[in-house]
Structures are given as structure tokens and as C-alpha cells.
Amino acid sequence: MDLNSMSFGVKPLTMANDLTKREREVVRLISLGCTDEDAANILGVATSTINSHRMRAMGKLGVNKVALLVRVAIKQRITKVGETLTASEKRKRGRKRDGWN
């Protein structure tokens, strides 16, 4: 059995291309370890807006857990395993160096 035929709680025909640009940005930031507040600071929007984008993306991808969202983000190439926040994103995030990103 290959990974494509296994079910991870993902709708089989839904692709990352179905996400809006902003939903892709939010999914990428979440997959890089950002909280909703971190992502809001980076993108210059309200935390509730980030929450809405994250929830819509999760609905479109058919996942109900952030861990599954991260797996799908990697599988659909929204983010890469070794990717980190850019220097600009780190500055905008507003947190001190925490050893993660």
C-alpha cells in the first residue's frame, strides 16, 4: 500500500491548489510552528482572521487536527520539512529567539 492510497483523514481529490493564496500562507506559517498570533503579526491581520483562514483551509483539505494539516502541507508541497521562517518573518513575529524558528 502506498501513501497515496492511505487515508490520513484527507479528502482524496482536494489539492493545495484549491486553497487561496492567503490560506496557503497561513498553512505554511502554521506548519513552521507559528501560533495564530505569530501568523497575525507576520501577515499584519487580526488573530481571528488567521483562525478563519486556518479553519477554512482545514475544511477544504478535510482535516480536523493541526498535526494532520502539517502533514498535508508537506505532502502537498506547501512547505518543506527543512524550511524555516525568513528573517523578515522572524522580525515581524515579535517573539524573542525561542530555538525553534
PDB file of N, CA and C in Angstrom:
ATOM      1  N   MET A   1       0.854  -1.170   0.000  1.00  0.00           N
ATOM      2  CA  MET A   1       0.000   0.000   0.000  1.00  0.00           C
ATOM      3  C   MET A   1       0.901   1.235   0.000  1.00  0.00           C
ATOM      4  N   ASP A   2       0.670   2.175  -0.890  1.00  0.00           N
ATOM      5  CA  ASP A   2       1.469   3.390  -0.929  1.00  0.00           C
ATOM      6  C   ASP A   2       0.762   4.509  -0.171  1.00  0.00           C
ATOM      7  N   LEU A   3       1.506   5.612   0.033  1.00  0.00           N
ATOM      8  CA  LEU A   3       0.960   6.734   0.797  1.00  0.00           C
ATOM      9  C   LEU A   3      -0.257   7.359   0.143  1.00  0.00           C
ATOM     10  N   ASN A   4      -0.313   7.352  -1.194  1.00  0.00           N
ATOM     11  CA  ASN A   4      -1.440   7.966  -1.878  1.00  0.00           C
ATOM     12  C   ASN A   4      -2.749   7.224  -1.646  1.00  0.00           C
ATOM     13  N   SER A   5      -2.667   5.925  -1.379  1.00  0.00           N
ATOM     14  CA  SER A   5      -3.893   5.160  -1.169  1.00  0.00           C
ATOM     15  C   SER A   5      -4.279   5.077   0.305  1.00  0.00           C
ATOM     16  N   MET A   6      -3.384   5.555   1.199  1.00  0.00           N
ATOM     17  CA  MET A   6      -3.686   5.524   2.627  1.00  0.00           C
ATOM     18  C   MET A   6      -4.532   6.727   2.996  1.00  0.00           C
ATOM     19  N   SER A   7      -5.381   6.549   3.968  1.00  0.00           N
ATOM     20  CA  SER A   7      -6.238   7.643   4.402  1.00  0.00           C
ATOM     21  C   SER A   7      -5.662   8.270   5.663  1.00  0.00           C
ATOM     22  N   PHE A   8      -5.393   9.556   5.614  1.00  0.00           N
ATOM     23  CA  PHE A   8      -4.937  10.299   6.779  1.00  0.00           C
ATOM     24  C   PHE A   8      -6.000  11.296   7.205  1.00  0.00           C
ATOM     25  N   GLY A   9      -7.246  11.031   6.867  1.00  0.00           N
ATOM     26  CA  GLY A   9      -8.303  11.974   7.174  1.00  0.00           C
ATOM     27  C   GLY A   9      -8.351  13.112   6.172  1.00  0.00           C
ATOM     28  N   VAL A  10      -7.813  12.867   4.973  1.00  0.00           N
ATOM     29  CA  VAL A  10      -7.757  13.890   3.941  1.00  0.00           C
ATOM     30  C   VAL A  10      -8.679  13.506   2.806  1.00  0.00           C
ATOM     31  N   LYS A  11      -9.443  14.465   2.293  1.00  0.00           N
ATOM     32  CA  LYS A  11     -10.269  14.202   1.130  1.00  0.00           C
ATOM     33  C   LYS A  11      -9.343  13.872  -0.036  1.00  0.00           C
ATOM     34  N   PRO A  12      -9.551  12.767  -0.749  1.00  0.00           N
ATOM     35  CA  PRO A  12      -8.596  12.341  -1.767  1.00  0.00           C
ATOM     36  C   PRO A  12      -8.459  13.274  -2.959  1.00  0.00           C
ATOM     37  N   LEU A  13      -9.481  14.017  -3.350  1.00  0.00           N
ATOM     38  CA  LEU A  13      -9.398  14.844  -4.545  1.00  0.00           C
ATOM     39  C   LEU A  13      -9.060  16.304  -4.254  1.00  0.00           C
ATOM     40  N   THR A  14      -8.953  16.664  -3.002  1.00  0.00           N
ATOM     41  CA  THR A  14      -8.660  18.043  -2.647  1.00  0.00           C
ATOM     42  C   THR A  14      -7.154  18.262  -2.724  1.00  0.00           C
ATOM     43  N   MET A  15      -6.771  19.307  -3.421  1.00  0.00           N
ATOM     44  CA  MET A  15      -5.363  19.621  -3.584  1.00  0.00           C
ATOM     45  C   MET A  15      -5.075  20.994  -2.991  1.00  0.00           C
ATOM     46  N   ALA A  16      -3.800  21.263  -2.773  1.00  0.00           N
ATOM     47  CA  ALA A  16      -3.392  22.557  -2.254  1.00  0.00           C
ATOM     48  C   ALA A  16      -3.795  23.676  -3.201  1.00  0.00           C
ATOM     49  N   ASN A  17      -3.956  23.381  -4.477  1.00  0.00           N
ATOM     50  CA  ASN A  17      -4.359  24.393  -5.456  1.00  0.00           C
ATOM     51  C   ASN A  17      -5.750  24.944  -5.159  1.00  0.00           C
ATOM     52  N   ASP A  18      -6.552  24.227  -4.391  1.00  0.00           N
ATOM     53  CA  ASP A  18      -7.890  24.680  -4.032  1.00  0.00           C
ATOM     54  C   ASP A  18      -7.867  25.775  -2.966  1.00  0.00           C
ATOM     55  N   LEU A  19      -6.710  25.965  -2.334  1.00  0.00           N
ATOM     56  CA  LEU A  19      -6.589  26.977  -1.295  1.00  0.00           C
ATOM     57  C   LEU A  19      -6.325  28.346  -1.913  1.00  0.00           C
ATOM     58  N   THR A  20      -6.820  29.383  -1.248  1.00  0.00           N
ATOM     59  CA  THR A  20      -6.489  30.733  -1.691  1.00  0.00           C
ATOM     60  C   THR A  20      -5.033  31.017  -1.330  1.00  0.00           C
ATOM     61  N   LYS A  21      -4.492  32.090  -1.906  1.00  0.00           N
ATOM     62  CA  LYS A  21      -3.110  32.464  -1.610  1.00  0.00           C
ATOM     63  C   LYS A  21      -2.927  32.691  -0.113  1.00  0.00           C
ATOM     64  N   ARG A  22      -3.875  33.381   0.510  1.00  0.00           N
ATOM     65  CA  ARG A  22      -3.767  33.681   1.939  1.00  0.00           C
ATOM     66  C   ARG A  22      -3.877  32.410   2.782  1.00  0.00           C
ATOM     67  N   GLU A  23      -4.764  31.490   2.398  1.00  0.00           N
ATOM     68  CA  GLU A  23      -4.873  30.224   3.124  1.00  0.00           C
ATOM     69  C   GLU A  23      -3.563  29.450   3.041  1.00  0.00           C
ATOM     70  N   ARG A  24      -2.930  29.459   1.869  1.00  0.00           N
ATOM     71  CA  ARG A  24      -1.630  28.787   1.706  1.00  0.00           C
ATOM     72  C   ARG A  24      -0.579  29.429   2.609  1.00  0.00           C
ATOM     73  N   GLU A  25      -0.578  30.772   2.685  1.00  0.00           N
ATOM     74  CA  GLU A  25       0.373  31.473   3.551  1.00  0.00           C
ATOM     75  C   GLU A  25       0.160  31.085   5.012  1.00  0.00           C
ATOM     76  N   VAL A  26      -1.087  31.054   5.427  1.00  0.00           N
ATOM     77  CA  VAL A  26      -1.403  30.707   6.816  1.00  0.00           C
ATOM     78  C   VAL A  26      -1.007  29.263   7.109  1.00  0.00           C
ATOM     79  N   VAL A  27      -1.334  28.349   6.210  1.00  0.00           N
ATOM     80  CA  VAL A  27      -0.966  26.933   6.401  1.00  0.00           C
ATOM     81  C   VAL A  27       0.553  26.802   6.501  1.00  0.00           C
ATOM     82  N   ARG A  28       1.271  27.516   5.648  1.00  0.00           N
ATOM     83  CA  ARG A  28       2.735  27.467   5.683  1.00  0.00           C
ATOM     84  C   ARG A  28       3.254  27.947   7.037  1.00  0.00           C
ATOM     85  N   LEU A  29       2.753  29.084   7.515  1.00  0.00           N
ATOM     86  CA  LEU A  29       3.216  29.616   8.795  1.00  0.00           C
ATOM     87  C   LEU A  29       2.874  28.684   9.950  1.00  0.00           C
ATOM     88  N   ILE A  30       1.673  28.131   9.940  1.00  0.00           N
ATOM     89  CA  ILE A  30       1.273  27.179  10.989  1.00  0.00           C
ATOM     90  C   ILE A  30       2.195  25.957  10.952  1.00  0.00           C
ATOM     91  N   SER A  31       2.500  25.473   9.754  1.00  0.00           N
ATOM     92  CA  SER A  31       3.354  24.279   9.629  1.00  0.00           C
ATOM     93  C   SER A  31       4.785  24.565  10.068  1.00  0.00           C
ATOM     94  N   LEU A  32       5.171  25.849  10.095  1.00  0.00           N
ATOM     95  CA  LEU A  32       6.504  26.225  10.565  1.00  0.00           C
ATOM     96  C   LEU A  32       6.530  26.521  12.055  1.00  0.00           C
ATOM     97  N   GLY A  33       5.429  26.241  12.745  1.00  0.00           N
ATOM     98  CA  GLY A  33       5.396  26.356  14.197  1.00  0.00           C
ATOM     99  C   GLY A  33       4.832  27.650  14.731  1.00  0.00           C
ATOM    100  N   CYS A  34       4.289  28.498  13.866  1.00  0.00           N
ATOM    101  CA  CYS A  34       3.710  29.770  14.323  1.00  0.00           C
ATOM    102  C   CYS A  34       2.344  29.537  14.962  1.00  0.00           C
ATOM    103  N   THR A  35       2.083  30.288  16.002  1.00  0.00           N
ATOM    104  CA  THR A  35       0.743  30.305  16.576  1.00  0.00           C
ATOM    105  C   THR A  35      -0.118  31.217  15.705  1.00  0.00           C
ATOM    106  N   ASP A  36      -1.407  31.238  15.966  1.00  0.00           N
ATOM    107  CA  ASP A  36      -2.283  32.161  15.242  1.00  0.00           C
ATOM    108  C   ASP A  36      -1.821  33.602  15.465  1.00  0.00           C
ATOM    109  N   GLU A  37      -1.403  33.915  16.684  1.00  0.00           N
ATOM    110  CA  GLU A  37      -0.941  35.266  16.999  1.00  0.00           C
ATOM    111  C   GLU A  37       0.344  35.602  16.240  1.00  0.00           C
ATOM    112  N   ASP A  38       1.287  34.654  16.175  1.00  0.00           N
ATOM    113  CA  ASP A  38       2.517  34.864  15.413  1.00  0.00           C
ATOM    114  C   ASP A  38       2.202  35.140  13.944  1.00  0.00           C
ATOM    115  N   ALA A  39       1.336  34.302  13.363  1.00  0.00           N
ATOM    116  CA  ALA A  39       0.966  34.452  11.954  1.00  0.00           C
ATOM    117  C   ALA A  39       0.275  35.794  11.722  1.00  0.00           C
ATOM    118  N   ALA A  40      -0.551  36.217  12.659  1.00  0.00           N
ATOM    119  CA  ALA A  40      -1.239  37.507  12.540  1.00  0.00           C
ATOM    120  C   ALA A  40      -0.240  38.653  12.533  1.00  0.00           C
ATOM    121  N   ASN A  41       0.763  38.583  13.394  1.00  0.00           N
ATOM    122  CA  ASN A  41       1.804  39.616  13.429  1.00  0.00           C
ATOM    123  C   ASN A  41       2.583  39.649  12.119  1.00  0.00           C
ATOM    124  N   ILE A  42       2.918  38.486  11.594  1.00  0.00           N
ATOM    125  CA  ILE A  42       3.697  38.402  10.358  1.00  0.00           C
ATOM    126  C   ILE A  42       2.907  38.952   9.178  1.00  0.00           C
ATOM    127  N   LEU A  43       1.627  38.598   9.089  1.00  0.00           N
ATOM    128  CA  LEU A  43       0.821  38.990   7.940  1.00  0.00           C
ATOM    129  C   LEU A  43       0.098  40.318   8.135  1.00  0.00           C
ATOM    130  N   GLY A  44       0.146  40.870   9.341  1.00  0.00           N
ATOM    131  CA  GLY A  44      -0.460  42.166   9.605  1.00  0.00           C
ATOM    132  C   GLY A  44      -1.976  42.151   9.611  1.00  0.00           C
ATOM    133  N   VAL A  45      -2.550  41.075  10.140  1.00  0.00           N
ATOM    134  CA  VAL A  45      -4.004  40.953  10.233  1.00  0.00           C
ATOM    135  C   VAL A  45      -4.377  40.539  11.656  1.00  0.00           C
ATOM    136  N   ALA A  46      -5.661  40.488  11.933  1.00  0.00           N
ATOM    137  CA  ALA A  46      -6.133  40.089  13.261  1.00  0.00           C
ATOM    138  C   ALA A  46      -5.982  38.586  13.468  1.00  0.00           C
ATOM    139  N   THR A  47      -5.819  38.192  14.714  1.00  0.00           N
ATOM    140  CA  THR A  47      -5.711  36.773  15.061  1.00  0.00           C
ATOM    141  C   THR A  47      -6.954  36.013  14.612  1.00  0.00           C
ATOM    142  N   SER A  48      -8.112  36.633  14.726  1.00  0.00           N
ATOM    143  CA  SER A  48      -9.349  35.972  14.314  1.00  0.00           C
ATOM    144  C   SER A  48      -9.360  35.711  12.801  1.00  0.00           C
ATOM    145  N   THR A  49      -8.716  36.580  12.036  1.00  0.00           N
ATOM    146  CA  THR A  49      -8.619  36.384  10.591  1.00  0.00           C
ATOM    147  C   THR A  49      -7.759  35.162  10.284  1.00  0.00           C
ATOM    148  N   ILE A  50      -6.654  35.029  11.001  1.00  0.00           N
ATOM    149  CA  ILE A  50      -5.781  33.857  10.822  1.00  0.00           C
ATOM    150  C   ILE A  50      -6.559  32.597  11.171  1.00  0.00           C
ATOM    151  N   ASN A  51      -7.293  32.637  12.272  1.00  0.00           N
ATOM    152  CA  ASN A  51      -8.100  31.486  12.689  1.00  0.00           C
ATOM    153  C   ASN A  51      -9.103  31.110  11.597  1.00  0.00           C
ATOM    154  N   SER A  52      -9.741  32.099  11.001  1.00  0.00           N
ATOM    155  CA  SER A  52     -10.712  31.830   9.931  1.00  0.00           C
ATOM    156  C   SER A  52     -10.046  31.187   8.717  1.00  0.00           C
ATOM    157  N   HIS A  53      -8.900  31.724   8.310  1.00  0.00           N
ATOM    158  CA  HIS A  53      -8.179  31.153   7.159  1.00  0.00           C
ATOM    159  C   HIS A  53      -7.736  29.716   7.452  1.00  0.00           C
ATOM    160  N   ARG A  54      -7.232  29.496   8.676  1.00  0.00           N
ATOM    161  CA  ARG A  54      -6.777  28.151   9.056  1.00  0.00           C
ATOM    162  C   ARG A  54      -7.938  27.161   9.039  1.00  0.00           C
ATOM    163  N   MET A  55      -9.063  27.570   9.603  1.00  0.00           N
ATOM    164  CA  MET A  55     -10.223  26.677   9.658  1.00  0.00           C
ATOM    165  C   MET A  55     -10.770  26.382   8.256  1.00  0.00           C
ATOM    166  N   ARG A  56     -10.804  27.393   7.380  1.00  0.00           N
ATOM    167  CA  ARG A  56     -11.271  27.175   6.006  1.00  0.00           C
ATOM    168  C   ARG A  56     -10.325  26.236   5.262  1.00  0.00           C
ATOM    169  N   ALA A  57      -9.021  26.427   5.450  1.00  0.00           N
ATOM    170  CA  ALA A  57      -8.037  25.555   4.802  1.00  0.00           C
ATOM    171  C   ALA A  57      -8.184  24.120   5.310  1.00  0.00           C
ATOM    172  N   MET A  58      -8.373  23.963   6.603  1.00  0.00           N
ATOM    173  CA  MET A  58      -8.547  22.627   7.171  1.00  0.00           C
ATOM    174  C   MET A  58      -9.801  21.977   6.606  1.00  0.00           C
ATOM    175  N   GLY A  59     -10.875  22.755   6.465  1.00  0.00           N
ATOM    176  CA  GLY A  59     -12.107  22.228   5.886  1.00  0.00           C
ATOM    177  C   GLY A  59     -11.916  21.795   4.444  1.00  0.00           C
ATOM    178  N   LYS A  60     -11.236  22.629   3.658  1.00  0.00           N
ATOM    179  CA  LYS A  60     -11.006  22.294   2.253  1.00  0.00           C
ATOM    180  C   LYS A  60     -10.143  21.052   2.101  1.00  0.00           C
ATOM    181  N   LEU A  61      -9.173  20.894   3.017  1.00  0.00           N
ATOM    182  CA  LEU A  61      -8.276  19.740   2.947  1.00  0.00           C
ATOM    183  C   LEU A  61      -8.836  18.527   3.683  1.00  0.00           C
ATOM    184  N   GLY A  62      -9.937  18.710   4.392  1.00  0.00           N
ATOM    185  CA  GLY A  62     -10.605  17.597   5.050  1.00  0.00           C
ATOM    186  C   GLY A  62      -9.892  17.083   6.277  1.00  0.00           C
ATOM    187  N   VAL A  63      -9.188  17.964   6.970  1.00  0.00           N
ATOM    188  CA  VAL A  63      -8.506  17.558   8.201  1.00  0.00           C
ATOM    189  C   VAL A  63      -9.130  18.289   9.377  1.00  0.00           C
ATOM    190  N   ASN A  64      -9.021  17.683  10.544  1.00  0.00           N
ATOM    191  CA  ASN A  64      -9.610  18.307  11.726  1.00  0.00           C
ATOM    192  C   ASN A  64      -8.596  18.516  12.842  1.00  0.00           C
ATOM    193  N   LYS A  65      -7.320  18.291  12.549  1.00  0.00           N
ATOM    194  CA  LYS A  65      -6.257  18.472  13.536  1.00  0.00           C
ATOM    195  C   LYS A  65      -5.101  19.201  12.875  1.00  0.00           C
ATOM    196  N   VAL A  66      -4.441  20.063  13.640  1.00  0.00           N
ATOM    197  CA  VAL A  66      -3.329  20.830  13.094  1.00  0.00           C
ATOM    198  C   VAL A  66      -2.184  19.903  12.682  1.00  0.00           C
ATOM    199  N   ALA A  67      -1.972  18.817  13.428  1.00  0.00           N
ATOM    200  CA  ALA A  67      -0.910  17.876  13.055  1.00  0.00           C
ATOM    201  C   ALA A  67      -1.163  17.300  11.664  1.00  0.00           C
ATOM    202  N   LEU A  68      -2.411  16.992  11.354  1.00  0.00           N
ATOM    203  CA  LEU A  68      -2.738  16.497  10.013  1.00  0.00           C
ATOM    204  C   LEU A  68      -2.578  17.595   8.975  1.00  0.00           C
ATOM    205  N   LEU A  69      -2.893  18.821   9.351  1.00  0.00           N
ATOM    206  CA  LEU A  69      -2.708  19.947   8.444  1.00  0.00           C
ATOM    207  C   LEU A  69      -1.238  20.079   8.057  1.00  0.00           C
ATOM    208  N   VAL A  70      -0.349  19.907   9.029  1.00  0.00           N
ATOM    209  CA  VAL A  70       1.088  19.993   8.759  1.00  0.00           C
ATOM    210  C   VAL A  70       1.519  18.863   7.834  1.00  0.00           C
ATOM    211  N   ARG A  71       1.038  17.658   8.065  1.00  0.00           N
ATOM    212  CA  ARG A  71       1.375  16.522   7.182  1.00  0.00           C
ATOM    213  C   ARG A  71       0.926  16.785   5.756  1.00  0.00           C
ATOM    214  N   VAL A  72      -0.282  17.300   5.609  1.00  0.00           N
ATOM    215  CA  VAL A  72      -0.807  17.597   4.279  1.00  0.00           C
ATOM    216  C   VAL A  72       0.003  18.725   3.640  1.00  0.00           C
ATOM    217  N   ALA A  73       0.385  19.728   4.427  1.00  0.00           N
ATOM    218  CA  ALA A  73       1.180  20.846   3.897  1.00  0.00           C
ATOM    219  C   ALA A  73       2.501  20.356   3.328  1.00  0.00           C
ATOM    220  N   ILE A  74       3.105  19.396   3.988  1.00  0.00           N
ATOM    221  CA  ILE A  74       4.365  18.830   3.497  1.00  0.00           C
ATOM    222  C   ILE A  74       4.106  17.968   2.268  1.00  0.00           C
ATOM    223  N   LYS A  75       3.100  17.124   2.347  1.00  0.00           N
ATOM    224  CA  LYS A  75       2.794  16.224   1.233  1.00  0.00           C
ATOM    225  C   LYS A  75       2.400  17.001  -0.021  1.00  0.00           C
ATOM    226  N   GLN A  76       1.658  18.089   0.139  1.00  0.00           N
ATOM    227  CA  GLN A  76       1.191  18.880  -1.000  1.00  0.00           C
ATOM    228  C   GLN A  76       2.185  19.979  -1.378  1.00  0.00           C
ATOM    229  N   ARG A  77       3.340  19.970  -0.738  1.00  0.00           N
ATOM    230  CA  ARG A  77       4.430  20.899  -1.037  1.00  0.00           C
ATOM    231  C   ARG A  77       4.082  22.372  -0.792  1.00  0.00           C
ATOM    232  N   ILE A  78       3.249  22.610   0.206  1.00  0.00           N
ATOM    233  CA  ILE A  78       3.004  23.981   0.637  1.00  0.00           C
ATOM    234  C   ILE A  78       4.212  24.454   1.435  1.00  0.00           C
ATOM    235  N   THR A  79       4.835  23.527   2.140  1.00  0.00           N
ATOM    236  CA  THR A  79       6.047  23.794   2.906  1.00  0.00           C
ATOM    237  C   THR A  79       6.970  22.596   2.759  1.00  0.00           C
ATOM    238  N   LYS A  80       8.238  22.792   3.141  1.00  0.00           N
ATOM    239  CA  LYS A  80       9.233  21.716   3.094  1.00  0.00           C
ATOM    240  C   LYS A  80       9.649  21.391   4.515  1.00  0.00           C
ATOM    241  N   VAL A  81      10.118  20.183   4.720  1.00  0.00           N
ATOM    242  CA  VAL A  81      10.494  19.745   6.065  1.00  0.00           C
ATOM    243  C   VAL A  81      11.566  20.651   6.663  1.00  0.00           C
ATOM    244  N   GLY A  82      12.563  21.048   5.889  1.00  0.00           N
ATOM    245  CA  GLY A  82      13.667  21.843   6.409  1.00  0.00           C
ATOM    246  C   GLY A  82      13.468  23.342   6.333  1.00  0.00           C
ATOM    247  N   GLU A  83      12.305  23.798   5.895  1.00  0.00           N
ATOM    248  CA  GLU A  83      12.053  25.232   5.733  1.00  0.00           C
ATOM    249  C   GLU A  83      11.932  25.928   7.083  1.00  0.00           C
ATOM    250  N   THR A  84      12.389  27.163   7.126  1.00  0.00           N
ATOM    251  CA  THR A  84      12.242  27.980   8.333  1.00  0.00           C
ATOM    252  C   THR A  84      11.646  29.331   7.948  1.00  0.00           C
ATOM    253  N   LEU A  85      11.285  30.098   8.952  1.00  0.00           N
ATOM    254  CA  LEU A  85      10.788  31.445   8.704  1.00  0.00           C
ATOM    255  C   LEU A  85      11.901  32.297   8.103  1.00  0.00           C
ATOM    256  N   THR A  86      11.536  33.232   7.243  1.00  0.00           N
ATOM    257  CA  THR A  86      12.519  34.161   6.701  1.00  0.00           C
ATOM    258  C   THR A  86      12.923  35.148   7.792  1.00  0.00           C
ATOM    259  N   ALA A  87      14.010  35.872   7.576  1.00  0.00           N
ATOM    260  CA  ALA A  87      14.464  36.868   8.555  1.00  0.00           C
ATOM    261  C   ALA A  87      13.381  37.918   8.788  1.00  0.00           C
ATOM    262  N   SER A  88      12.726  38.342   7.732  1.00  0.00           N
ATOM    263  CA  SER A  88      11.646  39.330   7.846  1.00  0.00           C
ATOM    264  C   SER A  88      10.489  38.777   8.682  1.00  0.00           C
ATOM    265  N   GLU A  89      10.120  37.527   8.426  1.00  0.00           N
ATOM    266  CA  GLU A  89       9.030  36.902   9.188  1.00  0.00           C
ATOM    267  C   GLU A  89       9.399  36.776  10.655  1.00  0.00           C
ATOM    268  N   LYS A  90      10.663  36.456  10.930  1.00  0.00           N
ATOM    269  CA  LYS A  90      11.100  36.348  12.325  1.00  0.00           C
ATOM    270  C   LYS A  90      10.991  37.686  13.041  1.00  0.00           C
ATOM    271  N   ARG A  91      11.370  38.773  12.349  1.00  0.00           N
ATOM    272  CA  ARG A  91      11.265  40.108  12.959  1.00  0.00           C
ATOM    273  C   ARG A  91       9.807  40.482  13.212  1.00  0.00           C
ATOM    274  N   LYS A  92       8.954  40.226  12.246  1.00  0.00           N
ATOM    275  CA  LYS A  92       7.539  40.587  12.367  1.00  0.00           C
ATOM    276  C   LYS A  92       6.806  39.752  13.408  1.00  0.00           C
ATOM    277  N   ARG A  93       7.285  38.541  13.644  1.00  0.00           N
ATOM    278  CA  ARG A  93       6.625  37.634  14.587  1.00  0.00           C
ATOM    279  C   ARG A  93       6.555  38.247  15.972  1.00  0.00           C
ATOM    280  N   GLY A  94       7.603  38.986  16.362  1.00  0.00           N
ATOM    281  CA  GLY A  94       7.570  39.699  17.633  1.00  0.00           C
ATOM    282  C   GLY A  94       7.985  38.885  18.842  1.00  0.00           C
ATOM    283  N   ARG A  95       8.527  37.702  18.637  1.00  0.00           N
ATOM    284  CA  ARG A  95       8.997  36.902  19.778  1.00  0.00           C
ATOM    285  C   ARG A  95      10.500  36.902  19.798  1.00  0.00           C
ATOM    286  N   LYS A  96      11.045  36.706  20.968  1.00  0.00           N
ATOM    287  CA  LYS A  96      12.497  36.545  21.089  1.00  0.00           C
ATOM    288  C   LYS A  96      12.864  35.192  20.500  1.00  0.00           C
ATOM    289  N   ARG A  97      14.139  35.006  20.298  1.00  0.00           N
ATOM    290  CA  ARG A  97      14.629  33.738  19.764  1.00  0.00           C
ATOM    291  C   ARG A  97      14.208  32.620  20.727  1.00  0.00           C
ATOM    292  N   ASP A  98      13.481  31.634  20.193  1.00  0.00           N
ATOM    293  CA  ASP A  98      12.989  30.554  21.048  1.00  0.00           C
ATOM    294  C   ASP A  98      13.630  29.209  20.716  1.00  0.00           C
ATOM    295  N   GLY A  99      14.606  29.229  19.814  1.00  0.00           N
ATOM    296  CA  GLY A  99      15.311  27.990  19.497  1.00  0.00           C
ATOM    297  C   GLY A  99      14.624  27.157  18.422  1.00  0.00           C
ATOM    298  N   TRP A 100      13.405  27.523  18.050  1.00  0.00           N
ATOM    299  CA  TRP A 100      12.687  26.712  17.049  1.00  0.00           C
ATOM    300  C   TRP A 100      12.814  27.324  15.681  1.00  0.00           C
ATOM    301  N   ASN A 101      12.389  28.528  15.522  1.00  0.00           N
ATOM    302  CA  ASN A 101      12.458  29.214  14.232  1.00  0.00           C
ATOM    303  C   ASN A 101      13.103  30.540  14.399  1.00  0.00           C
TER     304      ASN A 101
END
